[in-house]
Protein backbone atom coordinates (compact mmCIF):
# COMPACT_ATOMS: atom_id res chain seq x y z
CA UNK A 1 -0.27 -24.23 16.78
CA UNK A 2 -1.09 -23.94 13.07
CA UNK A 3 0.65 -20.63 12.47
CA UNK A 4 3.84 -21.62 14.26
CA UNK A 5 4.10 -25.00 12.54
CA UNK A 6 2.60 -24.37 9.12
CA UNK A 7 5.83 -25.08 7.23
CA UNK A 8 5.96 -28.52 8.81
CA UNK A 9 2.24 -29.09 8.09
CA UNK A 10 2.45 -27.89 4.46
CA UNK A 11 2.33 -31.39 2.99
CA UNK A 12 0.19 -33.19 5.57
CA UNK A 13 -2.63 -30.81 6.50
CA UNK A 14 -5.37 -33.41 6.30
CA UNK A 15 -3.33 -35.81 8.40
CA UNK A 16 -2.97 -33.12 11.07
CA UNK A 17 -6.71 -32.44 10.99
CA UNK A 18 -7.41 -36.13 11.57
CA UNK A 19 -5.79 -35.89 15.00
CA UNK A 20 -8.62 -36.37 17.51
CA UNK A 21 -8.09 -33.04 19.27
CA UNK A 22 -7.85 -31.06 16.03
CA UNK A 23 -10.78 -32.94 14.54
CA UNK A 24 -13.07 -32.21 17.49
CA UNK A 25 -12.16 -28.52 17.40
CA UNK A 26 -12.75 -28.38 13.65
CA UNK A 27 -16.17 -30.00 13.98
CA UNK A 28 -17.08 -27.55 16.75
CA UNK A 29 -15.94 -24.61 14.64
CA UNK A 30 -17.93 -25.66 11.56
CA UNK A 31 -21.07 -26.34 13.60
CA UNK A 32 -20.82 -23.06 15.49
CA UNK A 33 -20.11 -20.89 12.44
CA UNK A 34 -22.99 -22.57 10.59
CA UNK A 35 -25.32 -21.58 13.44
CA UNK A 36 -23.98 -18.03 13.54
CA UNK A 37 -24.39 -17.67 9.78
CA UNK A 38 -28.05 -18.64 10.10
CA UNK A 39 -29.09 -17.25 13.48
CA UNK A 40 -26.67 -14.43 14.21
CA UNK A 41 -24.77 -13.38 17.30
CA UNK A 42 -27.82 -12.61 19.44
CA UNK A 43 -29.22 -16.14 19.54
CA UNK A 44 -29.17 -17.06 23.23
CA UNK A 45 -28.60 -20.75 22.52
CA UNK A 46 -25.22 -20.13 20.92
CA UNK A 47 -22.32 -20.36 23.34
CA UNK A 48 -19.02 -18.82 22.33
CA UNK A 49 -15.91 -20.85 23.06
CA UNK A 50 -12.19 -20.43 22.57
CA UNK A 51 -11.91 -21.82 19.04
CA UNK A 52 -12.26 -18.42 17.37
CA UNK A 53 -9.61 -15.84 16.66
CA UNK A 54 -10.20 -12.26 17.77
CA UNK A 55 -9.71 -8.89 16.11
CA UNK A 56 -9.21 -6.00 18.51
CA UNK A 57 -10.36 -2.40 18.12
CA UNK A 58 -9.70 0.32 20.68
CA UNK A 59 -11.39 3.69 21.20
CA UNK A 60 -10.20 6.32 23.64
CA UNK A 61 -12.84 8.75 24.88
CA UNK A 62 -11.50 12.24 25.55
CA UNK A 63 -13.11 14.70 27.95
CA UNK A 64 -13.28 17.85 25.82
CA UNK A 65 -13.09 20.12 28.87
CA UNK A 66 -10.04 18.56 30.48
CA UNK A 67 -8.59 16.86 27.38
CA UNK A 68 -7.95 13.81 29.50
CA UNK A 69 -8.91 10.25 28.66
CA UNK A 70 -12.24 9.54 30.35
CA UNK A 71 -12.62 5.96 29.17
CA UNK A 72 -10.95 3.36 27.01
CA UNK A 73 -13.19 0.92 25.19
CA UNK A 74 -11.65 -2.14 23.62
CA UNK A 75 -13.64 -4.44 21.37
CA UNK A 76 -12.70 -8.03 20.61
CA UNK A 77 -14.62 -9.28 17.57
CA UNK A 78 -14.62 -12.99 16.73
CA UNK A 79 -13.46 -14.27 13.35
CA UNK A 80 -12.74 -17.75 12.04
CA UNK A 81 -9.20 -18.90 12.89
CA UNK A 82 -6.48 -19.47 10.33
CA UNK A 83 -6.23 -23.25 10.41
CA UNK A 84 -5.70 -26.11 7.99
CA UNK A 85 -6.18 -25.39 4.29
CA UNK A 86 -8.08 -22.16 5.04
CA UNK A 87 -11.25 -23.65 3.60
CA UNK A 88 -13.88 -26.17 4.67
CA UNK A 89 -11.67 -29.18 5.50
CA UNK A 90 -14.49 -31.67 5.10
CA UNK A 91 -14.88 -30.68 1.45
CA UNK A 92 -11.24 -31.42 0.59
CA UNK A 93 -9.77 -33.93 3.00
CA UNK A 94 -10.74 -37.61 2.64
CA UNK A 95 -13.53 -38.73 4.95
CA UNK A 96 -12.15 -38.71 8.46
CA UNK A 97 -13.01 -40.86 11.47
CA UNK A 98 -16.75 -41.47 11.08
CA UNK A 99 -17.04 -42.35 14.74
CA UNK A 100 -16.15 -38.72 15.49
CA UNK A 101 -17.55 -36.86 12.48
CA UNK A 102 -21.36 -36.63 12.32
CA UNK A 103 -22.74 -37.63 8.94
CA UNK A 104 -24.47 -34.24 8.73
CA UNK A 105 -21.05 -32.58 8.55
CA UNK A 106 -20.45 -34.17 5.15
CA UNK A 107 -23.89 -33.37 3.76
CA UNK A 108 -22.86 -29.81 2.88
CA UNK A 109 -19.18 -30.55 2.28
CA UNK A 110 -19.01 -29.45 -1.36
CA UNK A 111 -15.88 -27.87 -2.81
CA UNK A 112 -17.40 -24.37 -2.77
CA UNK A 113 -18.57 -24.63 0.84
CA UNK A 114 -18.53 -21.28 2.65
CA UNK A 115 -19.66 -22.50 6.06
CA UNK A 116 -16.23 -21.72 7.57
CA UNK A 117 -16.56 -17.96 6.90
CA UNK A 118 -17.77 -15.74 9.74
CA UNK A 119 -18.73 -12.27 8.53
CA UNK A 120 -18.94 -9.34 10.91
CA UNK A 121 -22.74 -9.03 10.73
CA UNK A 122 -23.17 -12.31 12.61
CA UNK A 123 -19.91 -12.56 14.57
CA UNK A 124 -20.12 -12.24 18.38
CA UNK A 125 -17.99 -9.60 20.07
CA UNK A 126 -17.01 -8.42 23.53
CA UNK A 127 -16.65 -4.83 24.69
CA UNK A 128 -14.16 -4.18 27.47
CA UNK A 129 -14.13 -0.94 29.42
CA UNK A 130 -10.52 -0.86 30.53
CA UNK A 131 -10.85 1.90 33.12
CA UNK A 132 -13.87 0.35 34.85
CA UNK A 133 -12.63 -3.20 34.26
CA UNK A 134 -15.92 -4.50 32.85
CA UNK A 135 -16.66 -6.84 29.95
CA UNK A 136 -19.91 -7.31 28.03
CA UNK A 137 -20.98 -9.71 25.27
CA UNK A 138 -22.90 -8.31 22.28
CA UNK A 139 -24.05 -5.25 24.23
CA UNK A 140 -24.91 -2.98 21.30
CA UNK A 141 -28.65 -3.14 20.44
CA UNK A 142 -29.37 -5.40 17.50
CA UNK A 143 -30.90 -2.53 15.52
CA UNK A 144 -27.28 -1.53 14.86
CA UNK A 145 -26.96 -3.83 11.86
CA UNK A 146 -23.41 -2.76 11.05
CA UNK A 147 -21.24 -2.42 14.13
CA UNK A 148 -19.55 0.99 14.53
CA UNK A 149 -15.97 -0.25 14.18
CA UNK A 150 -16.93 -1.94 10.90
CA UNK A 151 -17.36 1.43 9.21
CA UNK A 152 -15.56 3.87 11.51
CA UNK A 153 -12.18 2.33 12.22
CA UNK A 154 -10.32 5.63 12.50
CA UNK A 155 -12.69 7.49 14.82
CA UNK A 156 -16.31 7.51 15.93
CA UNK A 157 -18.67 10.14 14.56
CA UNK A 158 -22.07 10.12 16.20
CA UNK A 159 -23.74 11.79 13.23
CA UNK A 160 -23.05 8.81 10.96
CA UNK A 161 -26.13 6.66 11.36
CA UNK A 162 -26.49 4.93 8.02
CA UNK A 163 -23.24 3.98 6.33
CA UNK A 164 -23.51 2.81 2.75
CA UNK A 165 -23.02 -0.92 2.38
CA UNK A 166 -21.15 -1.73 -0.82
CA UNK A 167 -20.06 -5.09 -2.20
CA UNK A 168 -17.26 -5.41 -4.76
CA UNK A 169 -17.64 -8.84 -6.37
CA UNK A 170 -14.42 -9.26 -8.37
CA UNK A 171 -14.73 -12.36 -10.50
CA UNK A 172 -18.49 -12.44 -10.16
CA UNK A 173 -19.66 -14.80 -12.90
CA UNK A 174 -23.47 -15.01 -12.76
CA UNK A 175 -25.26 -13.89 -9.61
CA UNK A 176 -26.59 -17.40 -8.95
CA UNK A 177 -23.44 -19.36 -9.82
CA UNK A 178 -21.45 -20.60 -12.79
CA UNK A 179 -21.57 -23.72 -14.96
CA UNK A 180 -24.97 -24.51 -13.42
CA UNK A 181 -23.27 -24.88 -10.04
CA UNK A 182 -25.34 -22.91 -7.54
CA UNK A 183 -22.92 -23.73 -4.74
CA UNK A 184 -20.42 -21.49 -6.53
CA UNK A 185 -22.68 -18.43 -6.34
CA UNK A 186 -20.93 -15.48 -4.75
CA UNK A 187 -23.37 -12.62 -5.28
CA UNK A 188 -26.34 -14.65 -4.11
CA UNK A 189 -24.42 -15.97 -1.08
CA UNK A 190 -23.58 -12.45 0.12
CA UNK A 191 -27.10 -11.22 -0.63
CA UNK A 192 -28.73 -14.02 1.38
CA UNK A 193 -26.22 -13.78 4.25
CA UNK A 194 -26.86 -10.07 4.77
CA UNK A 195 -30.60 -10.30 4.08
CA UNK A 196 -30.88 -12.87 6.88
CA UNK A 197 -30.08 -10.01 9.24
CA UNK A 198 -32.28 -7.45 7.46
CA UNK A 199 -29.35 -5.70 5.81
CA UNK A 200 -29.56 -4.50 2.23
CA UNK A 201 -26.71 -3.48 -0.02
CA UNK A 202 -26.68 0.07 -1.30
CA UNK A 203 -24.57 -0.93 -4.26
CA UNK A 204 -22.95 -4.00 -5.80
CA UNK A 205 -20.08 -3.63 -8.27
CA UNK A 206 -19.49 -6.87 -10.18
CA UNK A 207 -16.51 -7.50 -12.47
CA UNK A 208 -16.27 -10.56 -14.72
CA UNK A 209 -13.70 -11.26 -17.44
CA UNK A 210 -15.59 -14.08 -19.20
CA UNK A 211 -18.21 -12.90 -21.67
CA UNK A 212 -21.61 -13.60 -20.10
CA UNK A 213 -25.11 -13.71 -21.53
CA UNK A 214 -26.44 -10.29 -20.55
CA UNK A 215 -30.06 -11.39 -20.47
CA UNK A 216 -29.24 -14.16 -17.99
CA UNK A 217 -27.10 -11.78 -15.91
CA UNK A 218 -29.99 -9.41 -15.33
CA UNK A 219 -32.74 -12.03 -15.08
CA UNK A 220 -30.99 -13.75 -12.18
CA UNK A 221 -31.02 -10.65 -9.99
CA UNK A 222 -33.63 -10.32 -7.22
CA UNK A 223 -35.93 -7.33 -7.63
CA UNK A 224 -34.25 -5.37 -4.85
CA UNK A 225 -30.77 -5.97 -6.29
CA UNK A 226 -31.56 -4.96 -9.87
CA UNK A 227 -31.51 -1.16 -9.26
CA UNK A 228 -28.23 -1.18 -7.33
CA UNK A 229 -26.24 -3.67 -9.44
CA UNK A 230 -23.40 -2.52 -11.70
CA UNK A 231 -22.05 -5.23 -13.99
CA UNK A 232 -18.72 -4.64 -15.75
CA UNK A 233 -18.04 -7.46 -18.21
CA UNK A 234 -14.32 -6.82 -18.66
CA UNK A 235 -11.25 -8.08 -16.85
CA UNK A 236 -9.62 -6.28 -13.97
CA UNK A 237 -6.51 -4.24 -14.66
CA UNK A 238 -3.44 -3.36 -12.63
CA UNK A 239 -4.03 0.35 -13.22
CA UNK A 240 -6.52 2.70 -14.82
CA UNK A 241 -10.29 2.79 -14.89
CA UNK A 242 -10.65 -1.00 -14.68
CA UNK A 243 -8.53 -1.23 -11.57
CA UNK A 244 -11.10 -1.98 -8.85
CA UNK A 245 -9.41 0.27 -6.30
CA UNK A 246 -9.76 3.24 -8.67
CA UNK A 247 -13.52 2.76 -8.52
CA UNK A 248 -13.43 1.98 -4.80
CA UNK A 249 -11.68 5.26 -3.97
CA UNK A 250 -14.12 7.16 -6.17
CA UNK A 251 -17.40 5.90 -4.70
CA UNK A 252 -16.54 4.89 -1.12
CA UNK A 253 -15.92 6.88 2.04
CA UNK A 254 -14.04 5.75 5.17
CA UNK A 255 -17.37 5.66 7.02
CA UNK A 256 -18.98 3.21 4.57
CA UNK A 257 -19.04 -0.55 5.07
CA UNK A 258 -17.12 -2.15 2.20
CA UNK A 259 -16.94 -5.86 1.39
CA UNK A 260 -14.54 -7.07 -1.31
CA UNK A 261 -14.46 -10.56 -2.77
CA UNK A 262 -11.51 -11.27 -5.07
CA UNK A 263 -11.41 -14.51 -7.07
CA UNK A 264 -10.45 -14.05 -10.72
CA UNK A 265 -8.24 -17.16 -11.07
CA UNK A 266 -5.35 -15.09 -12.43
CA UNK A 267 -2.72 -15.47 -9.74
CA UNK A 268 -0.28 -12.82 -10.98
CA UNK A 269 -2.90 -10.08 -11.17
CA UNK A 270 -4.55 -11.13 -7.91
CA UNK A 271 -1.21 -10.83 -6.13
CA UNK A 272 -0.68 -7.35 -7.56
CA UNK A 273 -4.13 -6.20 -6.44
CA UNK A 274 -3.66 -7.64 -2.95
CA UNK A 275 -0.24 -5.99 -2.66
CA UNK A 276 -1.82 -2.67 -3.62
CA UNK A 277 -4.14 -3.07 -0.64
CA UNK A 278 -1.24 -3.86 1.68
CA UNK A 279 0.94 -0.90 0.73
CA UNK A 280 -1.64 1.81 0.05
CA UNK A 281 -3.44 3.17 3.11
CA UNK A 282 -5.94 5.04 0.92
CA UNK A 283 -7.16 1.62 -0.22
CA UNK A 284 -6.98 -0.52 2.90
CA UNK A 285 -8.61 2.13 5.09
CA UNK A 286 -11.77 1.72 2.99
CA UNK A 287 -12.08 -2.08 3.13
CA UNK A 288 -13.82 -3.72 6.09
CA UNK A 289 -14.24 -7.32 4.90
CA UNK A 290 -12.03 -8.99 2.28
CA UNK A 291 -12.55 -12.49 0.90
CA UNK A 292 -9.77 -13.84 -1.29
CA UNK A 293 -8.96 -17.22 -2.79
CA UNK A 294 -5.19 -17.43 -2.44
CA UNK A 295 -3.83 -20.22 -4.63
CA UNK A 296 -1.07 -22.23 -2.96
CA UNK A 297 0.91 -25.36 -3.73
CA UNK A 298 -0.71 -27.89 -1.40
CA UNK A 299 -1.30 -31.38 -2.75
CA UNK A 300 -5.02 -31.37 -1.90
CA UNK A 301 -5.68 -28.44 -4.26
CA UNK A 302 -3.38 -29.39 -7.17
CA UNK A 303 -6.32 -30.80 -9.20
CA UNK A 304 -8.11 -27.45 -9.00
CA UNK A 305 -5.41 -24.77 -9.14
CA UNK A 306 -2.70 -23.81 -11.58
CA UNK A 307 0.90 -24.30 -10.54
CA UNK A 308 2.03 -21.61 -8.13
CA UNK A 309 5.04 -20.89 -5.96
CA UNK A 310 2.88 -19.69 -3.06
CA UNK A 311 3.03 -21.91 0.00
CA UNK A 312 0.43 -22.36 2.71
CA UNK A 313 2.70 -20.34 4.99
CA UNK A 314 2.40 -17.44 2.52
CA UNK A 315 -1.38 -17.59 2.95
CA UNK A 316 -1.13 -17.52 6.73
CA UNK A 317 1.23 -14.54 6.63
CA UNK A 318 -0.91 -12.68 4.08
CA UNK A 319 -4.19 -13.05 5.94
CA UNK A 320 -2.47 -12.13 9.20
CA UNK A 321 -1.08 -8.92 7.68
CA UNK A 322 -4.48 -7.98 6.29
CA UNK A 323 -6.13 -8.57 9.66
CA UNK A 324 -3.46 -6.48 11.36
CA UNK A 325 -4.49 -3.62 9.07
CA UNK A 326 -8.00 -3.86 10.51
CA UNK A 327 -9.48 -5.75 7.56
CA UNK A 328 -11.52 -8.85 8.37
CA UNK A 329 -9.69 -11.04 5.86
CA UNK A 330 -11.17 -14.43 5.00
CA UNK A 331 -10.08 -17.19 2.69
CA UNK A 332 -12.56 -17.69 -0.16
CA UNK A 333 -13.21 -21.18 -1.59
């Protein structure tokens, strides 16, 4: 509904969300993603419903003696749907019908809320064996912290057991937040999300244009992050050594798990960097998760964003294209 009618909804998103049916689905989505962020996909008390979108991955198994297809495995991996303002609606829209919205929903409804983002490490998935017509939920043992299709999208190689997990935090500010606002912390949010599922980063590359206090930068890092943290206190560039994709292509392999967060509040440069991902397969084949704050001209966000010609429809089209490339693309608050 949202994708097909987004031009009509451009100027009345919150009004559409206040519709009882949409509101109930939105509440269910926020509550379910919040549980998945904390407990993960294997918690038996979490029941998956039809409010999520799905990303599909297909593997064909070839019999090396006959060179015939012996099995076709298709994976459907849940991801948050593209709805509304592509951010936590309860942090932006005026308080909605309190008879329907639990008070607890508003307790964490700050502007930087990330409780609508479902990363792959906690997202439920189904595997479908097309030749045997069978379907299974979360059937890979939970000691596989990073799922195979999240670091081997082109083909499966059994000898790859431990992909490197690398975070590119583009527009990092301080690890624990900026302007004393801990809800705005990006590095710490990713660190805690992955740590919840016993996953450690092998490397974090952080870019920040604003001049930061170096002592504070390094003091804020947890002990296990300090050795693997690279802080580059200069702005991103369209080309050259400070283009993030130059570094990405130098240090990453297609069988690594790469997360990129892009939020530098410079719309023109952000659009260039995103377009480079879209048109260059040597870049987008390396990225598994992408989180991007796409500034658009909706009335709810005018107080926070510079003037832009991007519409909400542009956001929907952009994130759809990125997902079609195999990248789990999320809107960043």
